[in-house]
C-alpha atoms as a PDB file:
ATOM      1  CA  ARG A   1     174.789 184.679 142.142  1.00  0.00           C
ATOM      2  CA  PRO A   2     175.965 181.921 144.681  1.00  0.00           C
ATOM      3  CA  LEU A   3     173.723 179.756 146.262  1.00  0.00           C
ATOM      4  CA  GLU A   4     173.009 181.011 149.774  1.00  0.00           C
ATOM      5  CA  GLN A   5     172.901 178.842 152.654  1.00  0.00           C
ATOM      6  CA  ASP A   6     172.664 179.255 156.437  1.00  0.00           C
ATOM      7  CA  PRO A   7     176.201 178.525 157.909  1.00  0.00           C
ATOM      8  CA  LEU A   8     176.482 175.276 160.224  1.00  0.00           C
ATOM      9  CA  PRO A   9     175.708 175.744 163.797  1.00  0.00           C
ATOM     10  CA  PRO A  10     179.093 175.386 165.631  1.00  0.00           C
ATOM     11  CA  TRP A  11     178.519 172.375 167.353  1.00  0.00           C
ATOM     12  CA  LEU A  12     177.630 170.514 164.045  1.00  0.00           C
ATOM     13  CA  LEU A  13     180.882 171.698 162.309  1.00  0.00           C
ATOM     14  CA  LYS A  14     182.824 170.442 165.501  1.00  0.00           C
ATOM     15  CA  LYS A  15     181.391 167.048 164.991  1.00  0.00           C
ATOM     16  CA  TYR A  16     181.954 167.102 161.274  1.00  0.00           C
ATOM     17  CA  ILE A  17     185.600 167.933 161.833  1.00  0.00           C
ATOM     18  CA  GLN A  18     186.032 165.315 164.748  1.00  0.00           C
ATOM     19  CA  PHE A  19     184.578 162.754 162.411  1.00  0.00           C
ATOM     20  CA  ALA A  20     186.792 163.732 159.449  1.00  0.00           C
ATOM     21  CA  ARG A  21     189.800 163.648 161.680  1.00  0.00           C
ATOM     22  CA  LYS A  22     188.957 159.934 162.860  1.00  0.00           C
ATOM     23  CA  THR A  23     187.602 158.466 160.116  1.00  0.00           C
ATOM     24  CA  VAL A  24     189.116 159.711 156.799  1.00  0.00           C
ATOM     25  CA  HIS A  25     192.689 159.395 155.734  1.00  0.00           C
ATOM     26  CA  PRO A  26     193.350 160.636 152.110  1.00  0.00           C
ATOM     27  CA  ARG A  27     195.649 159.088 149.743  1.00  0.00           C
ATOM     28  CA  LEU A  28     197.106 160.623 146.772  1.00  0.00           C
ATOM     29  CA  THR A  29     196.250 159.198 143.220  1.00  0.00           C
ATOM     30  CA  ARG A  30     198.883 158.960 140.651  1.00  0.00           C
ATOM     31  CA  ALA A  31     197.096 161.968 138.868  1.00  0.00           C
ATOM     32  CA  ALA A  32     197.262 164.281 141.901  1.00  0.00           C
ATOM     33  CA  ALA A  33     200.871 163.460 142.701  1.00  0.00           C
ATOM     34  CA  GLN A  34     201.751 164.199 138.959  1.00  0.00           C
ATOM     35  CA  VAL A  35     199.921 167.549 139.085  1.00  0.00           C
ATOM     36  CA  LEU A  36     201.885 168.441 142.236  1.00  0.00           C
ATOM     37  CA  GLN A  37     205.112 167.065 141.336  1.00  0.00           C
ATOM     38  CA  GLU A  38     205.088 169.057 137.839  1.00  0.00           C
ATOM     39  CA  PHE A  39     204.000 172.329 139.672  1.00  0.00           C
ATOM     40  CA  TYR A  40     206.986 171.592 142.368  1.00  0.00           C
ATOM     41  CA  LEU A  41     209.585 170.903 139.670  1.00  0.00           C
ATOM     42  CA  SER A  42     208.453 174.009 137.704  1.00  0.00           C
ATOM     43  CA  LEU A  43     209.081 176.148 140.683  1.00  0.00           C
ATOM     44  CA  ARG A  44     212.321 174.581 141.397  1.00  0.00           C
ATOM     45  CA  ARG A  45     213.324 175.360 137.585  1.00  0.00           C
ATOM     46  CA  LYS A  46     212.270 178.929 138.171  1.00  0.00           C
ATOM     47  CA  GLN A  47     214.179 179.315 141.327  1.00  0.00           C
ATOM     48  CA  GLY A  48     217.466 179.190 139.509  1.00  0.00           C
ATOM     49  CA  ASP A  49     216.312 182.017 137.229  1.00  0.00           C
ATOM     50  CA  ASP A  50     216.495 184.734 139.658  1.00  0.00           C
ATOM     51  CA  ASP A  51     216.116 186.001 143.407  1.00  0.00           C
ATOM     52  CA  THR A  52     212.766 184.408 144.247  1.00  0.00           C
ATOM     53  CA  THR A  53     211.726 182.712 147.592  1.00  0.00           C
ATOM     54  CA  PRO A  54     213.545 179.590 148.270  1.00  0.00           C
ATOM     55  CA  ILE A  55     211.545 176.281 146.957  1.00  0.00           C
ATOM     56  CA  THR A  56     212.213 173.434 149.446  1.00  0.00           C
ATOM     57  CA  THR A  57     210.728 169.703 149.937  1.00  0.00           C
ATOM     58  CA  ARG A  58     208.902 171.507 152.587  1.00  0.00           C
ATOM     59  CA  GLN A  59     206.754 173.102 150.055  1.00  0.00           C
ATOM     60  CA  LEU A  60     205.963 169.966 148.165  1.00  0.00           C
ATOM     61  CA  GLU A  61     205.065 168.290 151.637  1.00  0.00           C
ATOM     62  CA  ALA A  62     203.105 171.370 152.281  1.00  0.00           C
ATOM     63  CA  MET A  63     201.098 171.110 149.104  1.00  0.00           C
ATOM     64  CA  ILE A  64     200.669 167.203 149.759  1.00  0.00           C
ATOM     65  CA  ARG A  65     199.167 168.249 153.238  1.00  0.00           C
ATOM     66  CA  LEU A  66     196.859 170.903 151.720  1.00  0.00           C
ATOM     67  CA  ALA A  67     195.697 168.363 149.080  1.00  0.00           C
ATOM     68  CA  GLN A  68     195.124 166.000 151.548  1.00  0.00           C
ATOM     69  CA  ALA A  69     192.725 168.265 153.646  1.00  0.00           C
ATOM     70  CA  ARG A  70     190.932 169.202 150.750  1.00  0.00           C
ATOM     71  CA  ALA A  71     189.720 165.714 150.150  1.00  0.00           C
ATOM     72  CA  LYS A  72     189.340 165.176 153.934  1.00  0.00           C
ATOM     73  CA  ILE A  73     186.766 168.286 153.958  1.00  0.00           C
ATOM     74  CA  ASP A  74     184.933 166.536 151.380  1.00  0.00           C
ATOM     75  CA  LEU A  75     185.256 162.894 153.414  1.00  0.00           C
ATOM     76  CA  ARG A  76     187.051 161.389 150.384  1.00  0.00           C
ATOM     77  CA  GLU A  77     189.640 159.026 150.876  1.00  0.00           C
ATOM     78  CA  LEU A  78     191.542 159.659 147.599  1.00  0.00           C
ATOM     79  CA  VAL A  79     192.903 163.136 146.732  1.00  0.00           C
ATOM     80  CA  SER A  80     191.642 163.864 143.082  1.00  0.00           C
ATOM     81  CA  ARG A  81     193.702 165.688 140.239  1.00  0.00           C
ATOM     82  CA  GLU A  82     191.079 168.634 141.324  1.00  0.00           C
ATOM     83  CA  ASP A  83     192.323 168.785 144.751  1.00  0.00           C
ATOM     84  CA  ALA A  84     195.937 169.195 143.617  1.00  0.00           C
ATOM     85  CA  GLN A  85     194.851 171.486 141.176  1.00  0.00           C
ATOM     86  CA  ASP A  86     193.138 173.649 143.636  1.00  0.00           C
ATOM     87  CA  VAL A  87     196.477 173.615 145.898  1.00  0.00           C
ATOM     88  CA  VAL A  88     198.621 174.667 142.969  1.00  0.00           C
ATOM     89  CA  ASP A  89     195.919 177.527 142.334  1.00  0.00           C
ATOM     90  CA  LEU A  90     196.411 178.364 145.955  1.00  0.00           C
ATOM     91  CA  MET A  91     200.284 178.370 145.778  1.00  0.00           C
ATOM     92  CA  LYS A  92     200.441 180.263 142.736  1.00  0.00           C
ATOM     93  CA  GLU A  93     198.255 183.079 144.538  1.00  0.00           C
ATOM     94  CA  SER A  94     200.390 182.838 147.680  1.00  0.00           C
ATOM     95  CA  LEU A  95     203.729 183.201 145.796  1.00  0.00           C
ATOM     96  CA  TYR A  96     202.449 186.029 143.585  1.00  0.00           C
ATOM     97  CA  ASP A  97     201.265 187.789 146.726  1.00  0.00           C
ATOM     98  CA  VAL A  98     204.888 187.209 148.448  1.00  0.00           C
ATOM     99  CA  CYS A  99     206.539 188.512 145.184  1.00  0.00           C
ATOM    100  CA  THR A 100     204.359 191.522 144.748  1.00  0.00           C
ATOM    101  CA  ASP A 101     204.440 192.562 148.613  1.00  0.00           C
END
């Protein structure tokens, strides 16, 4: 059973987000960039196999922004391999949902 916690009061959540926006500007580590690049390239290779959702550099840019946001919410200046893997997992779910709808 997950640890139960009270939700943050809205005023505190707002201050936390403001603080993160102003002070944290995450950069990709080599490991994170490699995870995102490998996934992006695998999507591009699969794109040629059949009629799938077009994969463009916009998807890569979006994955980078999501990974940076993932690090930012933890107030970290570096995007970790785990952040990038979380984004890859999210993209896989998203693409699976698009393909099955």
